[in-house]
Amino acid sequence: MAADTMADDPRPYRVYLAWFGPGMVKVGITGAARGSARLLEQGAVVFSWLGQGPLMAARRTEELLRAALRVPDRIPYAEKRAVRAALPGAGERLEEIRELHARVMELEGWPESLERAPFQAVDHTEVFGLEGLPPAVGVVSELVAGGVVSGELVAAAGPDLHLATGRGVVVVDTRLMTGWELTAVRGEQLTVPVREWEDRSVKQDGLF
């Protein structure tokens, strides 16, 4: 992550436009040397670079474009997960981000030291395995001692693993695994707390 306290950071930074689903867009920055790693980590379905330049110029551009587009600085993972199995077709995905890219390129006030980038969308649908992804029935809310969750990996987007279990597709946020020792299991088992989904809403915690 870029640190604003390092105003003299000599490394180049890129500003990006990321799309996670219909109406779910954000503007952010990442080190140019990292390539698209930041977008993969966030689970961005489609993205396009907006420009490249020094850290502070990239940060100013990020704030300018975020305000102009009225988009948030982050999108909760719960919202990203809820739409992954119902994404529009490739053409519609690209058109929305193409229109937004065109809008920001017409804005005034860009820092002179930031070089603008032409529209070139990158679609991660195939990389994440989202084509034909069944809707998830829930997300693992916590890991517990002796708990088991196993199944077939059908998609992986950002920190989320979508596992097809005997009870449907369940999302496992790999950030929950920190500090836990993992062992192999056989068969499809699910004995950890799961938040169930119904009509894209979250119900109370329960065990499957």
Protein backbone atom coordinates (compact mmCIF):
# COMPACT_ATOMS: atom_id res chain seq x y z
CA MET A 1 0.00 0.00 0.00
CA ALA A 2 1.16 3.51 -0.73
CA ALA A 3 2.21 5.54 2.32
CA ASP A 4 1.36 9.23 2.07
CA THR A 5 4.13 9.99 4.57
CA MET A 6 6.69 9.11 1.86
CA ALA A 7 6.10 12.17 -0.30
CA ASP A 8 9.53 11.76 -1.91
CA ASP A 9 8.93 8.13 -2.88
CA PRO A 10 10.72 7.84 -6.25
CA ARG A 11 8.74 4.80 -7.41
CA PRO A 12 6.00 5.27 -10.04
CA TYR A 13 2.38 4.58 -9.11
CA ARG A 14 -0.64 3.73 -11.20
CA VAL A 15 -4.22 4.90 -10.81
CA TYR A 16 -6.84 2.31 -11.72
CA LEU A 17 -10.57 2.00 -12.26
CA ALA A 18 -11.93 -1.30 -10.90
CA TRP A 19 -15.35 -2.87 -11.56
CA PHE A 20 -16.80 -5.53 -9.23
CA GLY A 21 -20.37 -5.69 -10.49
CA PRO A 22 -23.12 -3.43 -11.87
CA GLY A 23 -22.74 -0.04 -10.20
CA MET A 24 -19.87 -1.30 -8.02
CA VAL A 25 -16.81 0.70 -9.06
CA LYS A 26 -13.85 2.20 -7.25
CA VAL A 27 -10.76 4.23 -8.07
CA GLY A 28 -7.47 3.35 -6.40
CA ILE A 29 -3.69 3.42 -6.74
CA THR A 30 -0.98 0.77 -6.69
CA GLY A 31 2.76 0.60 -7.23
CA ALA A 32 3.55 0.25 -10.93
CA ALA A 33 6.02 -2.54 -10.14
CA ARG A 34 3.19 -4.67 -8.74
CA GLY A 35 1.37 -4.84 -12.06
CA SER A 36 -2.20 -6.09 -11.65
CA ALA A 37 -1.53 -7.92 -8.35
CA ARG A 38 -3.54 -5.36 -6.35
CA LEU A 39 -6.56 -5.84 -8.60
CA LEU A 40 -6.39 -9.61 -8.25
CA GLU A 41 -6.12 -9.29 -4.46
CA GLN A 42 -9.27 -7.17 -4.35
CA GLY A 43 -11.25 -9.48 -6.58
CA ALA A 44 -11.77 -6.86 -9.32
CA VAL A 45 -13.72 -8.51 -12.13
CA VAL A 46 -12.69 -5.89 -14.71
CA PHE A 47 -10.23 -3.02 -14.50
CA SER A 48 -8.47 -0.43 -16.62
CA TRP A 49 -5.48 1.76 -15.85
CA LEU A 50 -6.16 5.50 -15.72
CA GLY A 51 -2.66 6.89 -15.45
CA GLN A 52 0.83 6.69 -13.97
CA GLY A 53 3.08 9.10 -12.11
CA PRO A 54 4.69 10.01 -8.77
CA LEU A 55 2.98 8.93 -5.55
CA MET A 56 1.47 12.26 -4.55
CA ALA A 57 0.28 12.99 -8.10
CA ALA A 58 -1.36 9.57 -8.19
CA ARG A 59 -2.97 10.19 -4.81
CA ARG A 60 -4.33 13.60 -5.90
CA THR A 61 -5.70 12.05 -9.08
CA GLU A 62 -7.34 9.28 -7.09
CA GLU A 63 -9.16 11.79 -4.90
CA LEU A 64 -10.14 13.96 -7.88
CA LEU A 65 -11.65 11.06 -9.82
CA ARG A 66 -13.29 9.50 -6.81
CA ALA A 67 -15.11 12.73 -6.06
CA ALA A 68 -16.07 13.26 -9.71
CA LEU A 69 -17.48 9.75 -10.09
CA ARG A 70 -18.93 9.71 -6.57
CA VAL A 71 -17.51 6.28 -5.87
CA PRO A 72 -16.37 4.93 -2.49
CA ASP A 73 -12.75 4.33 -1.52
CA ARG A 74 -13.56 0.67 -0.87
CA ILE A 75 -16.32 -1.85 -1.50
CA PRO A 76 -17.15 -4.40 1.23
CA TYR A 77 -16.36 -7.99 0.33
CA ALA A 78 -19.91 -9.00 1.28
CA GLU A 79 -21.21 -6.86 -1.61
CA LYS A 80 -18.66 -8.28 -4.06
CA ARG A 81 -19.57 -11.85 -3.13
CA ALA A 82 -23.28 -11.26 -3.49
CA VAL A 83 -23.08 -10.46 -7.22
CA ARG A 84 -20.38 -12.81 -8.51
CA ALA A 85 -22.82 -15.50 -9.62
CA ALA A 86 -25.07 -13.02 -11.43
CA LEU A 87 -22.63 -10.88 -13.42
CA PRO A 88 -23.75 -9.45 -16.78
CA GLY A 89 -22.12 -10.58 -20.02
CA ALA A 90 -18.66 -9.50 -21.12
CA GLY A 91 -19.99 -6.78 -23.41
CA GLU A 92 -22.03 -5.14 -20.68
CA ARG A 93 -19.16 -5.37 -18.20
CA LEU A 94 -16.78 -3.65 -20.57
CA GLU A 95 -19.26 -0.98 -21.62
CA GLU A 96 -19.82 0.28 -18.08
CA ILE A 97 -16.13 0.67 -17.33
CA ARG A 98 -15.49 2.08 -20.82
CA GLU A 99 -18.03 4.85 -20.23
CA LEU A 100 -16.51 5.73 -16.86
CA HIS A 101 -13.00 5.81 -18.32
CA ALA A 102 -14.17 8.22 -21.01
CA ARG A 103 -15.79 10.47 -18.40
CA VAL A 104 -12.70 10.80 -16.23
CA MET A 105 -10.47 11.48 -19.23
CA GLU A 106 -12.55 14.58 -19.95
CA LEU A 107 -12.11 15.98 -16.45
CA GLU A 108 -9.84 18.95 -15.80
CA GLY A 109 -7.48 19.27 -12.86
CA TRP A 110 -5.28 16.24 -13.42
CA PRO A 111 -1.72 16.74 -12.05
CA GLU A 112 0.68 17.53 -14.89
CA SER A 113 3.14 14.90 -13.66
CA LEU A 114 0.62 12.08 -14.10
CA GLU A 115 0.52 10.51 -17.56
CA ARG A 116 -2.96 9.40 -18.57
CA ALA A 117 -3.49 5.88 -19.86
CA PRO A 118 -5.71 4.86 -22.78
CA PHE A 119 -8.65 2.55 -22.16
CA GLN A 120 -7.56 -1.09 -22.09
CA ALA A 121 -9.84 -3.28 -20.02
CA VAL A 122 -8.62 -6.46 -18.36
CA ASP A 123 -11.33 -9.01 -17.49
CA HIS A 124 -10.56 -11.47 -14.68
CA THR A 125 -13.73 -13.56 -15.07
CA GLU A 126 -11.85 -16.54 -16.51
CA VAL A 127 -8.92 -16.13 -14.12
CA PHE A 128 -11.26 -16.24 -11.11
CA GLY A 129 -13.42 -19.02 -12.55
CA LEU A 130 -16.64 -16.98 -12.42
CA GLU A 131 -18.24 -18.22 -15.65
CA GLY A 132 -21.24 -20.33 -14.69
CA LEU A 133 -20.53 -19.90 -10.97
CA PRO A 134 -23.48 -21.16 -8.89
CA PRO A 135 -24.86 -18.71 -6.30
CA ALA A 136 -23.31 -19.12 -2.86
CA VAL A 137 -25.60 -20.19 -0.04
CA GLY A 138 -23.41 -18.62 2.62
CA VAL A 139 -20.00 -17.51 3.83
CA VAL A 140 -17.96 -19.07 6.62
CA SER A 141 -18.13 -16.60 9.50
CA GLU A 142 -15.36 -18.10 11.63
CA LEU A 143 -13.08 -21.10 12.04
CA VAL A 144 -13.40 -23.20 15.20
CA ALA A 145 -11.25 -25.87 16.84
CA GLY A 146 -12.06 -29.20 15.25
CA GLY A 147 -14.22 -27.54 12.62
CA VAL A 148 -14.24 -28.84 9.05
CA VAL A 149 -15.04 -27.24 5.72
CA SER A 150 -14.25 -29.14 2.55
CA GLY A 151 -15.47 -29.31 -1.02
CA GLU A 152 -14.52 -28.71 -4.64
CA LEU A 153 -12.91 -25.37 -5.43
CA VAL A 154 -15.07 -23.79 -8.15
CA ALA A 155 -13.81 -20.19 -8.04
CA ALA A 156 -11.23 -18.01 -6.30
CA ALA A 157 -11.54 -14.22 -6.33
CA GLY A 158 -9.42 -12.03 -4.10
CA PRO A 159 -9.22 -13.70 -0.68
CA ASP A 160 -12.40 -15.69 -1.29
CA LEU A 161 -12.55 -19.37 -2.11
CA HIS A 162 -15.88 -20.62 -3.46
CA LEU A 163 -16.27 -24.27 -2.47
CA ALA A 164 -18.96 -26.59 -3.76
CA THR A 165 -20.01 -28.62 -0.72
CA GLY A 166 -22.79 -31.11 -0.18
CA ARG A 167 -24.92 -28.21 1.03
CA GLY A 168 -24.23 -25.84 -1.86
CA VAL A 169 -21.46 -23.34 -2.65
CA VAL A 170 -19.91 -21.77 0.44
CA VAL A 171 -17.41 -18.90 0.46
CA VAL A 172 -14.30 -19.16 2.64
CA ASP A 173 -12.39 -15.94 3.27
CA THR A 174 -8.77 -17.08 3.45
CA ARG A 175 -7.95 -14.21 5.80
CA LEU A 176 -9.70 -16.25 8.50
CA MET A 177 -7.01 -18.90 8.20
CA THR A 178 -4.25 -16.82 9.78
CA GLY A 179 -2.83 -18.68 12.78
CA TRP A 180 -4.74 -21.89 12.10
CA GLU A 181 -3.14 -25.23 11.29
CA LEU A 182 -4.85 -26.81 8.28
CA THR A 183 -5.04 -30.55 7.63
CA ALA A 184 -6.43 -32.55 4.73
CA VAL A 185 -9.87 -34.16 5.00
CA ARG A 186 -11.86 -36.49 2.79
CA GLY A 187 -15.38 -36.05 1.53
CA GLU A 188 -17.62 -33.01 1.74
CA GLN A 189 -17.96 -31.79 5.29
CA LEU A 190 -19.11 -28.48 6.74
CA THR A 191 -19.11 -28.08 10.52
CA VAL A 192 -18.13 -24.44 10.96
CA PRO A 193 -20.40 -21.40 11.52
CA VAL A 194 -21.80 -20.07 8.23
CA ARG A 195 -23.78 -16.92 7.51
CA GLU A 196 -26.51 -17.92 5.11
CA TRP A 197 -27.57 -15.81 2.14
CA GLU A 198 -31.08 -15.30 0.91
CA ASP A 199 -31.92 -12.86 -1.89
CA ARG A 200 -28.48 -11.23 -1.47
CA SER A 201 -29.13 -10.50 2.21
CA VAL A 202 -27.35 -11.93 5.24
CA LYS A 203 -29.27 -13.88 7.85
CA GLN A 204 -28.18 -14.77 11.35
CA ASP A 205 -25.25 -17.10 11.98
CA GLY A 206 -25.94 -20.81 12.08
CA LEU A 207 -24.48 -24.23 11.43
CA PHE A 208 -25.28 -26.21 8.32
